[in-house]
Amino acid sequence: MNGNESGRGRRRFLGRCAVAASAAMAGTVAAVERPKPKDALRRRTREEVGYRDEPYLGRSCAKCVLYQGHGECVILEGPVSPNGWCTQWVPASMG
């Protein structure tokens, strides 16, 4: 076997290895489960968020980004007072 033939054999072998590796990777990628989409935001109980019906240091539900108005909060189940407060309080405006 001369140098030219051994180069072709090597190239053919490496080409086949590349094809086999690609096929193996494609099978692996297809077998990986995709993560499930997150469920809707779970509403929390008053105890979980430390809710109370009075403001804390000038912070109140009415000044929180999570408060939707009319006694509704994005994360808290049941009605809330606009003057209430919980540990999840986030200012409605930053400045």
N, C-alpha and C. Protein backbone atom coordinates (compact mmCIF):
# COMPACT_ATOMS: atom_id res chain seq x y z
N MET A 1 0.85 -1.15 0.00
CA MET A 1 0.00 0.00 0.00
C MET A 1 0.91 1.22 0.00
N ASN A 2 0.64 2.15 -0.92
CA ASN A 2 1.47 3.33 -0.97
C ASN A 2 0.88 4.42 -0.09
N GLY A 3 1.55 5.57 0.03
CA GLY A 3 1.13 6.68 0.88
C GLY A 3 -0.20 7.26 0.47
N ASN A 4 -0.49 7.28 -0.84
CA ASN A 4 -1.72 7.86 -1.34
C ASN A 4 -2.93 7.03 -0.93
N GLU A 5 -2.82 5.71 -1.00
CA GLU A 5 -3.93 4.83 -0.64
C GLU A 5 -4.19 4.87 0.86
N SER A 6 -3.12 4.95 1.66
CA SER A 6 -3.32 4.97 3.11
C SER A 6 -3.98 6.28 3.53
N GLY A 7 -3.71 7.39 2.82
CA GLY A 7 -4.37 8.67 3.11
C GLY A 7 -5.85 8.60 2.82
N ARG A 8 -6.21 7.94 1.71
CA ARG A 8 -7.63 7.81 1.37
C ARG A 8 -8.36 6.94 2.39
N GLY A 9 -7.74 5.88 2.81
CA GLY A 9 -8.34 4.99 3.81
C GLY A 9 -8.56 5.71 5.13
N ARG A 10 -7.57 6.49 5.47
CA ARG A 10 -7.68 7.25 6.71
C ARG A 10 -8.81 8.29 6.63
N ARG A 11 -8.86 8.97 5.49
CA ARG A 11 -9.92 9.97 5.30
C ARG A 11 -11.30 9.33 5.34
N ARG A 12 -11.42 8.20 4.69
CA ARG A 12 -12.69 7.49 4.67
C ARG A 12 -13.07 7.07 6.09
N PHE A 13 -12.10 6.55 6.83
CA PHE A 13 -12.35 6.13 8.21
C PHE A 13 -12.77 7.33 9.07
N LEU A 14 -12.05 8.45 8.97
CA LEU A 14 -12.38 9.64 9.75
C LEU A 14 -13.74 10.20 9.35
N GLY A 15 -14.05 10.15 8.07
CA GLY A 15 -15.36 10.61 7.60
C GLY A 15 -16.48 9.77 8.19
N ARG A 16 -16.28 8.47 8.19
CA ARG A 16 -17.30 7.59 8.76
C ARG A 16 -17.44 7.80 10.27
N CYS A 17 -16.33 8.04 10.94
CA CYS A 17 -16.39 8.33 12.38
C CYS A 17 -17.18 9.61 12.65
N ALA A 18 -16.95 10.62 11.80
CA ALA A 18 -17.67 11.89 11.96
C ALA A 18 -19.17 11.68 11.76
N VAL A 19 -19.53 10.90 10.75
CA VAL A 19 -20.95 10.63 10.49
C VAL A 19 -21.55 9.86 11.67
N ALA A 20 -20.83 8.87 12.16
CA ALA A 20 -21.34 8.07 13.28
C ALA A 20 -21.48 8.94 14.53
N ALA A 21 -20.53 9.83 14.78
CA ALA A 21 -20.60 10.70 15.96
C ALA A 21 -21.78 11.67 15.82
N SER A 22 -21.99 12.18 14.63
CA SER A 22 -23.12 13.09 14.40
C SER A 22 -24.45 12.38 14.64
N ALA A 23 -24.56 11.16 14.16
CA ALA A 23 -25.79 10.40 14.35
C ALA A 23 -26.02 10.10 15.83
N ALA A 24 -24.95 9.77 16.53
CA ALA A 24 -25.08 9.48 17.96
C ALA A 24 -25.50 10.73 18.72
N MET A 25 -24.94 11.89 18.38
CA MET A 25 -25.30 13.14 19.03
C MET A 25 -26.75 13.52 18.73
N ALA A 26 -27.19 13.31 17.51
CA ALA A 26 -28.57 13.63 17.14
C ALA A 26 -29.54 12.78 17.95
N GLY A 27 -29.22 11.53 18.16
CA GLY A 27 -30.06 10.66 18.97
C GLY A 27 -30.08 11.10 20.41
N THR A 28 -28.95 11.55 20.92
CA THR A 28 -28.86 12.01 22.31
C THR A 28 -29.67 13.28 22.50
N VAL A 29 -29.56 14.21 21.58
CA VAL A 29 -30.30 15.46 21.68
C VAL A 29 -31.80 15.21 21.61
N ALA A 30 -32.21 14.29 20.76
CA ALA A 30 -33.63 13.98 20.63
C ALA A 30 -34.16 13.29 21.88
N ALA A 31 -33.32 12.53 22.57
CA ALA A 31 -33.76 11.79 23.74
C ALA A 31 -33.87 12.66 24.98
N VAL A 32 -33.23 13.82 25.00
CA VAL A 32 -33.28 14.70 26.16
C VAL A 32 -34.67 15.31 26.27
N GLU A 33 -35.27 15.20 27.46
CA GLU A 33 -36.60 15.76 27.65
C GLU A 33 -36.52 17.27 27.75
N ARG A 34 -37.46 17.92 27.14
CA ARG A 34 -37.53 19.38 27.25
C ARG A 34 -38.20 19.73 28.58
N PRO A 35 -37.75 20.79 29.24
CA PRO A 35 -38.38 21.15 30.50
C PRO A 35 -39.83 21.57 30.31
N LYS A 36 -40.65 21.21 31.27
CA LYS A 36 -42.06 21.58 31.19
C LYS A 36 -42.20 23.07 31.44
N PRO A 37 -43.16 23.72 30.79
CA PRO A 37 -43.38 25.13 31.08
C PRO A 37 -43.86 25.29 32.52
N LYS A 38 -43.54 26.41 33.12
CA LYS A 38 -43.92 26.65 34.51
C LYS A 38 -45.43 26.79 34.62
N ASP A 39 -45.94 26.30 35.73
CA ASP A 39 -47.36 26.45 36.00
C ASP A 39 -47.64 27.93 36.26
N ALA A 40 -48.90 28.27 36.23
CA ALA A 40 -49.29 29.64 36.53
C ALA A 40 -48.81 30.00 37.94
N LEU A 41 -48.60 31.26 38.16
CA LEU A 41 -48.12 31.73 39.45
C LEU A 41 -49.05 31.26 40.56
N ARG A 42 -48.49 30.60 41.54
CA ARG A 42 -49.27 30.06 42.65
C ARG A 42 -49.58 31.17 43.65
N ARG A 43 -50.81 31.29 44.00
CA ARG A 43 -51.21 32.27 45.02
C ARG A 43 -50.82 31.72 46.39
N ARG A 44 -50.36 32.57 47.24
CA ARG A 44 -49.88 32.19 48.57
C ARG A 44 -50.91 32.56 49.64
N THR A 45 -50.79 31.92 50.78
CA THR A 45 -51.67 32.24 51.91
C THR A 45 -51.10 33.45 52.65
N ARG A 46 -51.93 34.05 53.50
CA ARG A 46 -51.50 35.20 54.29
C ARG A 46 -50.34 34.84 55.21
N GLU A 47 -50.37 33.64 55.73
CA GLU A 47 -49.30 33.20 56.64
C GLU A 47 -47.96 33.06 55.90
N GLU A 48 -48.01 32.54 54.68
CA GLU A 48 -46.78 32.34 53.90
C GLU A 48 -46.06 33.66 53.60
N VAL A 49 -46.81 34.72 53.42
CA VAL A 49 -46.18 36.00 53.06
C VAL A 49 -46.14 36.99 54.22
N GLY A 50 -46.59 36.57 55.40
CA GLY A 50 -46.57 37.44 56.56
C GLY A 50 -47.46 38.67 56.40
N TYR A 51 -48.61 38.48 55.80
CA TYR A 51 -49.52 39.60 55.54
C TYR A 51 -50.11 40.14 56.84
N ARG A 52 -50.28 41.47 56.88
CA ARG A 52 -51.02 42.11 57.96
C ARG A 52 -51.81 43.28 57.38
N ASP A 53 -52.87 43.66 58.06
CA ASP A 53 -53.80 44.66 57.54
C ASP A 53 -53.36 46.11 57.75
N GLU A 54 -52.22 46.34 58.35
CA GLU A 54 -51.77 47.72 58.53
C GLU A 54 -50.43 47.93 57.82
N PRO A 55 -50.15 49.17 57.42
CA PRO A 55 -48.89 49.44 56.71
C PRO A 55 -47.67 49.24 57.62
N TYR A 56 -46.51 49.11 57.01
CA TYR A 56 -45.26 48.91 57.73
C TYR A 56 -44.24 49.92 57.20
N LEU A 57 -43.80 50.81 58.05
CA LEU A 57 -42.81 51.84 57.68
C LEU A 57 -43.18 52.59 56.40
N GLY A 58 -44.47 52.94 56.28
CA GLY A 58 -44.94 53.67 55.10
C GLY A 58 -45.17 52.80 53.88
N ARG A 59 -44.95 51.52 54.01
CA ARG A 59 -45.17 50.59 52.89
C ARG A 59 -46.56 50.01 53.00
N SER A 60 -47.29 50.00 51.90
CA SER A 60 -48.64 49.44 51.91
C SER A 60 -48.91 48.77 50.57
N CYS A 61 -49.94 47.95 50.54
CA CYS A 61 -50.30 47.25 49.30
C CYS A 61 -50.56 48.24 48.17
N ALA A 62 -51.19 49.37 48.48
CA ALA A 62 -51.50 50.37 47.46
C ALA A 62 -50.23 50.91 46.78
N LYS A 63 -49.09 50.81 47.44
CA LYS A 63 -47.82 51.30 46.89
C LYS A 63 -46.94 50.17 46.37
N CYS A 64 -47.53 48.98 46.22
CA CYS A 64 -46.77 47.79 45.80
C CYS A 64 -47.07 47.46 44.34
N VAL A 65 -46.06 47.01 43.62
CA VAL A 65 -46.23 46.65 42.21
C VAL A 65 -47.13 45.42 42.03
N LEU A 66 -47.27 44.60 43.06
CA LEU A 66 -48.09 43.38 42.97
C LEU A 66 -49.57 43.65 43.22
N TYR A 67 -49.90 44.82 43.73
CA TYR A 67 -51.29 45.17 44.02
C TYR A 67 -51.99 45.55 42.73
N GLN A 68 -53.15 44.93 42.48
CA GLN A 68 -53.88 45.15 41.23
C GLN A 68 -55.05 46.12 41.40
N GLY A 69 -55.26 46.60 42.59
CA GLY A 69 -56.39 47.48 42.85
C GLY A 69 -57.63 46.68 43.23
N HIS A 70 -58.63 47.35 43.77
CA HIS A 70 -59.89 46.71 44.16
C HIS A 70 -59.68 45.54 45.11
N GLY A 71 -58.65 45.62 45.96
CA GLY A 71 -58.42 44.57 46.95
C GLY A 71 -57.81 43.29 46.41
N GLU A 72 -57.21 43.33 45.23
CA GLU A 72 -56.61 42.13 44.63
C GLU A 72 -55.10 42.24 44.56
N CYS A 73 -54.43 41.13 44.83
CA CYS A 73 -52.96 41.04 44.76
C CYS A 73 -52.59 39.91 43.81
N VAL A 74 -51.49 40.08 43.12
CA VAL A 74 -51.03 39.06 42.16
C VAL A 74 -50.67 37.75 42.85
N ILE A 75 -50.06 37.82 44.04
CA ILE A 75 -49.54 36.61 44.67
C ILE A 75 -50.31 36.14 45.89
N LEU A 76 -51.24 36.96 46.41
CA LEU A 76 -51.94 36.59 47.64
C LEU A 76 -53.37 36.17 47.33
N GLU A 77 -53.80 35.07 47.91
CA GLU A 77 -55.17 34.62 47.69
C GLU A 77 -56.11 35.38 48.62
N GLY A 78 -57.28 35.67 48.10
CA GLY A 78 -58.27 36.40 48.88
C GLY A 78 -58.07 37.91 48.80
N PRO A 79 -59.04 38.64 49.31
CA PRO A 79 -58.94 40.10 49.25
C PRO A 79 -57.88 40.65 50.20
N VAL A 80 -57.30 41.77 49.81
CA VAL A 80 -56.30 42.45 50.66
C VAL A 80 -56.72 43.90 50.85
N SER A 81 -56.24 44.48 51.90
CA SER A 81 -56.51 45.89 52.17
C SER A 81 -55.48 46.75 51.45
N PRO A 82 -55.88 47.87 50.85
CA PRO A 82 -54.89 48.76 50.24
C PRO A 82 -53.88 49.27 51.27
N ASN A 83 -54.28 49.25 52.56
CA ASN A 83 -53.39 49.68 53.63
C ASN A 83 -52.60 48.52 54.22
N GLY A 84 -52.77 47.31 53.69
CA GLY A 84 -52.07 46.13 54.20
C GLY A 84 -50.60 46.12 53.77
N TRP A 85 -49.88 45.11 54.21
CA TRP A 85 -48.47 44.94 53.87
C TRP A 85 -48.08 43.48 54.04
N CYS A 86 -47.11 43.00 53.25
CA CYS A 86 -46.56 41.65 53.44
C CYS A 86 -45.07 41.67 53.12
N THR A 87 -44.42 40.56 53.39
CA THR A 87 -42.97 40.47 53.20
C THR A 87 -42.55 40.45 51.73
N GLN A 88 -43.50 40.31 50.82
CA GLN A 88 -43.19 40.29 49.40
C GLN A 88 -43.34 41.67 48.76
N TRP A 89 -43.52 42.69 49.55
CA TRP A 89 -43.75 44.05 49.09
C TRP A 89 -42.62 44.53 48.19
N VAL A 90 -43.00 45.11 47.04
CA VAL A 90 -42.05 45.67 46.07
C VAL A 90 -42.58 47.05 45.69
N PRO A 91 -41.76 48.10 45.77
CA PRO A 91 -42.28 49.43 45.44
C PRO A 91 -42.81 49.51 44.02
N ALA A 92 -43.94 50.21 43.86
CA ALA A 92 -44.57 50.34 42.54
C ALA A 92 -43.73 51.18 41.60
N SER A 93 -42.94 52.09 42.12
CA SER A 93 -42.05 52.88 41.28
C SER A 93 -40.70 52.99 41.97
N MET A 94 -39.67 53.00 41.17
CA MET A 94 -38.31 53.03 41.72
C MET A 94 -37.76 54.46 41.66
N GLY A 95 -38.33 55.35 42.42
CA GLY A 95 -37.77 56.68 42.48
C GLY A 95 -38.75 57.67 42.17
